[in-house]
Amino acid sequence: MSAATPDQVRKAREQLDAHVRETVEWHFNPDTGTPFWLERAKTYKFDPRKDVKGFDDLKLFGLFEDEWLRGGPVR
């Protein structure tokens, strides 16, 4: 297997960043997001839908505890 070319790396990064934007938009949009994420958004000092533009911006969220998703109400 040969090493990726700079163009391949750029395209892969663009795809990753686009996927991050789509995922964040889905989770934090009032029309599609779950109560967990919509409430969580209120605790951030940034607007996920506006400020997360790609993979590198995911650090804005800080650490995530899996336990936050366990045991909550199921709709």
Protein backbone atom coordinates (compact mmCIF):
# COMPACT_ATOMS: atom_id res chain seq x y z
CA MET A 1 0.00 0.00 0.00
CA SER A 2 1.41 3.38 -0.95
CA ALA A 3 1.29 6.52 1.14
CA ALA A 4 -1.57 8.92 0.63
CA THR A 5 -0.91 11.88 -1.60
CA PRO A 6 -1.40 15.40 -0.25
CA ASP A 7 -4.52 15.69 -2.41
CA GLN A 8 -5.96 12.49 -0.95
CA VAL A 9 -5.23 13.73 2.57
CA ARG A 10 -6.91 17.07 1.81
CA LYS A 11 -10.00 15.38 0.37
CA ALA A 12 -10.23 12.98 3.32
CA ARG A 13 -9.97 15.90 5.74
CA GLU A 14 -12.69 17.80 3.88
CA GLN A 15 -14.96 14.74 4.08
CA LEU A 16 -14.24 14.28 7.79
CA ASP A 17 -14.94 17.95 8.54
CA ALA A 18 -18.18 17.82 6.53
CA HIS A 19 -19.27 14.73 8.44
CA VAL A 20 -18.56 16.45 11.77
CA ARG A 21 -20.60 19.50 10.72
CA GLU A 22 -23.53 17.32 9.64
CA THR A 23 -23.42 15.29 12.85
CA VAL A 24 -23.25 18.34 15.10
CA GLU A 25 -26.05 20.02 13.16
CA TRP A 26 -28.25 16.94 13.56
CA HIS A 27 -27.62 16.53 17.29
CA PHE A 28 -27.99 20.20 18.23
CA ASN A 29 -30.77 21.25 15.87
CA PRO A 30 -34.04 21.73 17.78
CA ASP A 31 -35.89 19.88 15.01
CA THR A 32 -33.74 16.74 15.08
CA GLY A 33 -31.74 16.73 18.31
CA THR A 34 -32.55 14.66 21.35
CA PRO A 35 -33.43 16.27 24.68
CA PHE A 36 -30.04 15.19 26.05
CA TRP A 37 -28.06 17.13 23.44
CA LEU A 38 -30.39 20.11 23.33
CA GLU A 39 -30.10 20.52 27.10
CA ARG A 40 -26.37 19.90 27.00
CA ALA A 41 -25.96 22.69 24.44
CA LYS A 42 -27.23 25.16 27.03
CA THR A 43 -24.25 24.34 29.26
CA TYR A 44 -21.59 25.18 26.67
CA LYS A 45 -19.94 28.57 26.37
CA PHE A 46 -20.17 28.25 22.60
CA ASP A 47 -22.82 27.45 20.02
CA PRO A 48 -22.10 23.99 18.61
CA ARG A 49 -24.05 24.67 15.43
CA LYS A 50 -22.08 27.83 14.66
CA ASP A 51 -18.68 27.21 16.21
CA VAL A 52 -17.93 23.58 15.34
CA LYS A 53 -16.73 23.72 11.77
CA GLY A 54 -14.67 20.54 11.64
CA PHE A 55 -12.89 17.75 13.47
CA ASP A 56 -10.42 20.02 15.26
CA ASP A 57 -13.29 21.95 16.84
CA LEU A 58 -14.58 18.86 18.64
CA LYS A 59 -12.13 19.72 21.42
CA LEU A 60 -14.53 22.53 22.37
CA PHE A 61 -16.80 19.90 23.93
CA GLY A 62 -14.16 18.70 26.37
CA LEU A 63 -14.25 15.20 27.79
CA PHE A 64 -17.37 13.11 27.39
CA GLU A 65 -18.54 10.61 29.98
CA ASP A 66 -20.31 7.56 28.58
CA GLU A 67 -22.30 7.37 31.80
CA TRP A 68 -24.14 10.55 30.81
CA LEU A 69 -26.09 8.50 28.27
CA ARG A 70 -26.94 5.62 30.58
CA GLY A 71 -30.12 5.37 32.58
CA GLY A 72 -31.90 8.40 31.21
CA PRO A 73 -35.51 8.57 30.16
CA VAL A 74 -36.47 6.67 27.04
CA ARG A 75 -39.10 8.15 24.79
